[in-house]
Amino acid sequence: MGFLSRFAANKGALVGLVLLIALLAFAVLGPWLYPTSPWRMVARPFTAPFVTDRFLLGTDTLGRDVAAGLVHGARISILIGFVSTLVALLIGVPLGALAGYFGGWIDDALMRITEFFQTIPSFALAIVLVAVLQPSIYSIVLAIGIVSWPPVARLVRGEVLSLRTREYVQAAITVGQSTPRIIFSQVLPNTVAPIIVMASLMVASAILLESSLSFLGLGDPNLMTWGYMVGAGRTRLMDAWWISFFPGVAIFLTVLALNLVGEGLNDALNPRLSRGRE
């Protein structure tokens, strides 16, 4: 069975993929669906959802269209999730590769650094970093990337430790290939599968972390995000539930879709699981 066949065999993964594609299309088409600013006050506050065709999901405490905020927030929340995951990979993959390939004191030093970051609660560290750097999309991406790289480094280190003794790596050393070339051409390509699986799950975690920061008022004040919308409506849950409910559902569906896709990728890329199904 090929990769696509193994992925398609997981029905949950297909559901997650369809849902993720729909959410991405929703985010990309947002500017055309709602070309005006999501911060614009367009009607009286607390207009209930499904009462008027113009404001299908109602309005918030300041009379802003909840649907417009949902669409524009999708672009920012998903973008932060993917970019912060990329930052974490750019930090964790090289460090894990160096630690696993060289071993010895280099491995010890890099793993002690990794353990130091893992001893600090991720959310608490993210709050401190964003507060020190001032809330903005750049500080949020950097903070999430910094708190997310240690698991990546440990994963890559473990993979490289098992790969560095393989015959093809030893052959490359024998013929005189440089260390950087061996790492990037012989070792890292064989760690792509578990990294892809972990990255898909990290995007979901990053979206949740960004939403939590925005909920606490540490989001970019110039950008509409789902977390900000949930936080903005938390004091009116009893009489204006829709303000927090719809962005909360959007966060739930996005995280669910990413986790389902990650599970499908794990099934399709894990050779042991593949052989078991074949």
Protein backbone atom coordinates (compact mmCIF):
# COMPACT_ATOMS: atom_id res chain seq x y z
CA MET A 1 0.00 0.00 0.00
CA GLY A 2 1.23 3.48 -0.84
CA PHE A 3 1.22 6.55 1.36
CA LEU A 4 -2.10 7.88 0.01
CA SER A 5 -3.78 4.48 0.37
CA ARG A 6 -2.65 4.12 3.97
CA PHE A 7 -3.75 7.68 4.76
CA ALA A 8 -7.14 7.15 3.08
CA ALA A 9 -7.65 3.97 5.10
CA ASN A 10 -7.95 6.14 8.20
CA LYS A 11 -11.47 7.59 7.98
CA GLY A 12 -10.85 10.01 10.80
CA ALA A 13 -7.84 11.41 8.96
CA LEU A 14 -9.95 12.00 5.86
CA VAL A 15 -12.56 13.83 7.91
CA GLY A 16 -9.82 15.93 9.49
CA LEU A 17 -8.28 16.71 6.10
CA VAL A 18 -11.61 17.83 4.62
CA LEU A 19 -12.28 19.95 7.69
CA LEU A 20 -8.79 21.46 7.58
CA ILE A 21 -9.09 22.31 3.87
CA ALA A 22 -12.45 23.97 4.55
CA LEU A 23 -10.96 26.04 7.38
CA LEU A 24 -7.98 27.08 5.24
CA ALA A 25 -10.31 28.06 2.38
CA PHE A 26 -12.39 29.97 4.92
CA ALA A 27 -9.27 31.86 6.03
CA VAL A 28 -8.01 32.55 2.49
CA LEU A 29 -11.37 33.77 1.20
CA GLY A 30 -11.97 35.90 4.29
CA PRO A 31 -10.99 39.28 2.76
CA TRP A 32 -13.45 38.73 -0.09
CA LEU A 33 -16.26 37.52 2.16
CA TYR A 34 -15.81 40.37 4.63
CA PRO A 35 -13.70 43.13 3.04
CA THR A 36 -14.27 45.65 5.84
CA SER A 37 -12.33 45.79 9.09
CA PRO A 38 -13.49 43.32 11.76
CA TRP A 39 -13.03 46.11 14.33
CA ARG A 40 -15.72 48.23 12.68
CA MET A 41 -18.91 48.80 14.68
CA VAL A 42 -21.70 47.91 12.27
CA ALA A 43 -24.84 47.51 14.39
CA ARG A 44 -26.17 47.78 17.90
CA PRO A 45 -24.36 45.62 20.48
CA PHE A 46 -25.59 42.16 21.46
CA THR A 47 -27.58 41.45 18.32
CA ALA A 48 -28.46 37.76 18.63
CA PRO A 49 -27.34 35.31 15.93
CA PHE A 50 -29.69 34.19 13.12
CA VAL A 51 -31.97 37.15 13.73
CA THR A 52 -30.89 39.12 10.68
CA ASP A 53 -29.35 37.96 7.41
CA ARG A 54 -26.84 40.79 7.47
CA PHE A 55 -25.25 39.70 10.76
CA LEU A 56 -25.78 35.96 10.72
CA LEU A 57 -23.71 35.22 13.84
CA GLY A 58 -24.77 38.34 15.71
CA THR A 59 -22.69 41.22 17.10
CA ASP A 60 -20.45 41.57 20.14
CA THR A 61 -20.31 43.98 23.07
CA LEU A 62 -19.29 46.90 20.81
CA GLY A 63 -21.55 46.12 17.88
CA ARG A 64 -18.89 44.40 15.76
CA ASP A 65 -19.87 41.60 13.40
CA VAL A 66 -18.96 38.25 14.99
CA ALA A 67 -18.82 36.52 11.59
CA ALA A 68 -16.35 39.11 10.25
CA GLY A 69 -14.17 38.64 13.33
CA LEU A 70 -14.35 34.88 12.91
CA VAL A 71 -13.20 35.04 9.28
CA HIS A 72 -10.39 37.53 9.84
CA GLY A 73 -9.34 35.77 13.05
CA ALA A 74 -8.96 32.50 11.15
CA ARG A 75 -6.16 33.96 9.04
CA ILE A 76 -4.20 35.21 12.05
CA SER A 77 -4.71 32.22 14.34
CA ILE A 78 -3.82 29.64 11.66
CA LEU A 79 -0.88 31.73 10.44
CA ILE A 80 0.52 32.01 13.96
CA GLY A 81 0.11 28.25 14.41
CA PHE A 82 2.08 27.36 11.28
CA VAL A 83 4.80 30.03 11.56
CA SER A 84 5.50 29.40 15.25
CA THR A 85 5.76 25.67 14.50
CA LEU A 86 8.28 26.48 11.76
CA VAL A 87 10.29 28.55 14.27
CA ALA A 88 10.28 25.63 16.72
CA LEU A 89 11.46 23.25 13.99
CA LEU A 90 14.25 25.61 12.95
CA ILE A 91 15.51 25.60 16.53
CA GLY A 92 14.83 22.01 17.57
CA VAL A 93 15.86 20.06 14.44
CA PRO A 94 19.46 21.37 14.20
CA LEU A 95 20.05 21.06 17.95
CA GLY A 96 18.65 17.53 18.06
CA ALA A 97 20.66 16.51 14.99
CA LEU A 98 23.91 17.85 16.46
CA ALA A 99 23.28 16.19 19.82
CA GLY A 100 22.42 12.83 18.29
CA TYR A 101 25.19 12.75 15.68
CA PHE A 102 28.16 13.89 17.77
CA GLY A 103 27.16 12.52 21.17
CA GLY A 104 29.61 12.99 24.05
CA TRP A 105 29.90 16.39 25.68
CA ILE A 106 28.01 18.10 22.84
CA ASP A 107 25.04 15.82 23.44
CA ASP A 108 25.23 16.38 27.21
CA ALA A 109 25.42 20.17 26.86
CA LEU A 110 22.56 20.44 24.38
CA MET A 111 20.35 18.06 26.34
CA ARG A 112 20.94 19.98 29.56
CA ILE A 113 19.81 23.15 27.78
CA THR A 114 16.78 21.29 26.48
CA GLU A 115 15.94 19.99 29.93
CA PHE A 116 16.24 23.50 31.37
CA PHE A 117 13.54 24.76 28.99
CA GLN A 118 11.38 21.72 29.72
CA THR A 119 11.47 22.32 33.47
CA ILE A 120 9.76 25.69 32.99
CA PRO A 121 5.99 25.48 32.38
CA SER A 122 5.47 26.32 28.71
CA PHE A 123 2.49 28.60 29.20
CA ALA A 124 4.15 30.53 32.03
CA LEU A 125 7.31 31.04 29.95
CA ALA A 126 5.24 32.18 26.96
CA ILE A 127 3.43 34.73 29.14
CA VAL A 128 6.72 36.11 30.45
CA LEU A 129 8.30 36.32 26.99
CA VAL A 130 5.30 38.08 25.43
CA ALA A 131 4.99 40.47 28.36
CA VAL A 132 8.71 41.36 28.22
CA LEU A 133 8.79 41.75 24.43
CA GLN A 134 5.43 43.60 24.33
CA PRO A 135 2.38 41.86 22.83
CA SER A 136 2.60 41.65 19.04
CA ILE A 137 2.30 38.96 16.40
CA TYR A 138 6.11 38.73 16.25
CA SER A 139 6.60 38.30 19.99
CA ILE A 140 3.79 35.73 20.13
CA VAL A 141 5.29 33.68 17.29
CA LEU A 142 8.74 33.87 18.87
CA ALA A 143 7.45 32.95 22.33
CA ILE A 144 5.48 29.94 21.07
CA GLY A 145 8.46 28.80 19.00
CA ILE A 146 10.80 29.06 21.99
CA VAL A 147 8.55 27.03 24.31
CA SER A 148 7.79 24.41 21.62
CA TRP A 149 11.24 23.34 20.38
CA PRO A 150 12.44 21.00 23.20
CA PRO A 151 10.23 18.01 22.21
CA VAL A 152 11.41 18.43 18.61
CA ALA A 153 15.06 18.35 19.67
CA ARG A 154 14.51 15.19 21.73
CA LEU A 155 12.66 13.47 18.91
CA VAL A 156 15.33 14.30 16.32
CA ARG A 157 18.12 13.33 18.71
CA GLY A 158 16.59 9.90 19.25
CA GLU A 159 16.14 9.35 15.52
CA VAL A 160 19.69 10.46 14.72
CA LEU A 161 21.16 8.24 17.44
CA SER A 162 19.62 5.22 15.73
CA LEU A 163 20.59 6.37 12.23
CA ARG A 164 24.22 7.36 12.74
CA THR A 165 25.32 3.71 13.00
CA ARG A 166 23.56 2.62 9.81
CA GLU A 167 25.65 1.24 6.96
CA TYR A 168 24.97 4.07 4.54
CA VAL A 169 26.07 6.68 7.10
CA GLN A 170 29.26 4.73 7.85
CA ALA A 171 29.88 4.41 4.09
CA ALA A 172 29.52 8.17 3.69
CA ILE A 173 32.07 8.70 6.46
CA THR A 174 34.43 6.20 4.81
CA VAL A 175 34.36 7.96 1.44
CA GLY A 176 35.21 11.25 3.14
CA GLN A 177 31.94 13.19 3.00
CA SER A 178 31.88 16.24 5.26
CA THR A 179 29.91 16.13 8.50
CA PRO A 180 27.35 18.77 7.42
CA ARG A 181 26.74 16.89 4.17
CA ILE A 182 26.25 13.59 5.98
CA ILE A 183 23.79 15.16 8.43
CA PHE A 184 21.74 16.98 5.78
CA SER A 185 21.88 14.41 2.98
CA GLN A 186 22.05 11.07 4.78
CA VAL A 187 20.62 11.48 8.28
CA LEU A 188 17.96 14.23 8.39
CA PRO A 189 16.01 13.03 5.30
CA ASN A 190 15.30 9.81 7.17
CA THR A 191 13.82 11.71 10.12
CA VAL A 192 11.26 13.61 8.02
CA ALA A 193 8.32 11.27 8.72
CA PRO A 194 8.23 11.60 12.53
CA ILE A 195 8.98 15.34 12.26
CA ILE A 196 5.99 15.86 9.95
CA VAL A 197 3.71 14.00 12.34
CA MET A 198 4.95 15.99 15.33
CA ALA A 199 4.69 19.28 13.40
CA SER A 200 1.02 18.68 12.59
CA LEU A 201 0.28 18.24 16.29
CA MET A 202 2.45 21.23 17.22
CA VAL A 203 0.39 23.52 14.97
CA ALA A 204 -2.70 22.57 16.96
CA SER A 205 -0.90 23.22 20.25
CA ALA A 206 0.38 26.57 18.96
CA ILE A 207 -3.14 27.68 18.03
CA LEU A 208 -4.35 26.77 21.51
CA LEU A 209 -1.44 28.58 23.13
CA GLU A 210 -2.00 31.72 21.04
CA SER A 211 -5.70 31.63 21.90
CA SER A 212 -4.84 31.36 25.59
CA LEU A 213 -2.48 34.34 25.40
CA SER A 214 -5.07 36.42 23.56
CA PHE A 215 -7.72 35.37 26.09
CA LEU A 216 -5.51 36.85 28.84
CA GLY A 217 -5.09 40.09 26.89
CA LEU A 218 -1.57 39.32 25.66
CA GLY A 219 -2.48 39.10 21.98
CA ASP A 220 -1.56 41.63 19.33
CA PRO A 221 -3.92 44.57 20.02
CA ASN A 222 -4.05 45.40 16.30
CA LEU A 223 -5.12 41.95 15.11
CA MET A 224 -8.38 40.10 15.53
CA THR A 225 -7.88 36.50 16.70
CA TRP A 226 -10.17 33.75 17.93
CA GLY A 227 -8.61 33.89 21.38
CA TYR A 228 -9.30 37.61 21.64
CA MET A 229 -12.93 37.04 20.65
CA VAL A 230 -13.38 34.34 23.30
CA GLY A 231 -11.82 36.62 25.91
CA ALA A 232 -13.92 39.60 24.84
CA GLY A 233 -17.14 37.71 25.48
CA ARG A 234 -16.20 35.85 28.65
CA THR A 235 -17.99 38.33 30.92
CA ARG A 236 -21.28 38.02 29.00
CA LEU A 237 -21.58 34.25 28.64
CA MET A 238 -25.03 34.14 30.21
CA ASP A 239 -26.79 36.76 28.07
CA ALA A 240 -24.52 36.90 24.96
CA TRP A 241 -23.14 33.37 24.67
CA TRP A 242 -22.53 33.61 20.93
CA ILE A 243 -19.64 36.07 21.28
CA SER A 244 -17.39 33.40 22.81
CA PHE A 245 -19.17 30.32 21.51
CA PHE A 246 -18.50 30.63 17.77
CA PRO A 247 -14.75 31.39 18.00
CA GLY A 248 -14.49 28.64 20.61
CA VAL A 249 -16.05 26.18 18.16
CA ALA A 250 -13.64 27.38 15.45
CA ILE A 251 -10.66 26.69 17.74
CA PHE A 252 -12.07 23.27 18.64
CA LEU A 253 -12.65 22.26 15.01
CA THR A 254 -9.20 23.44 13.90
CA VAL A 255 -7.39 21.60 16.69
CA LEU A 256 -9.52 18.49 16.10
CA ALA A 257 -8.79 18.55 12.35
CA LEU A 258 -5.04 18.91 12.90
CA ASN A 259 -4.98 16.07 15.42
CA LEU A 260 -6.93 13.79 13.08
CA VAL A 261 -4.59 14.62 10.19
CA GLY A 262 -1.59 14.05 12.46
CA GLU A 263 -2.93 10.63 13.44
CA GLY A 264 -3.44 9.76 9.77
CA LEU A 265 0.07 10.88 8.88
CA ASN A 266 1.47 8.77 11.70
CA ASP A 267 -0.36 5.71 10.37
CA ALA A 268 0.75 6.39 6.79
CA LEU A 269 4.38 7.25 7.52
CA ASN A 270 5.12 4.75 10.29
CA PRO A 271 6.55 1.69 8.49
CA ARG A 272 5.73 -0.68 11.35
CA LEU A 273 2.06 0.30 11.30
CA SER A 274 2.11 0.11 7.50
CA ARG A 275 3.46 -3.44 7.50
CA GLY A 276 0.88 -4.43 10.06
CA ARG A 277 -1.96 -3.26 7.80
CA GLU A 278 -0.46 -4.85 4.70
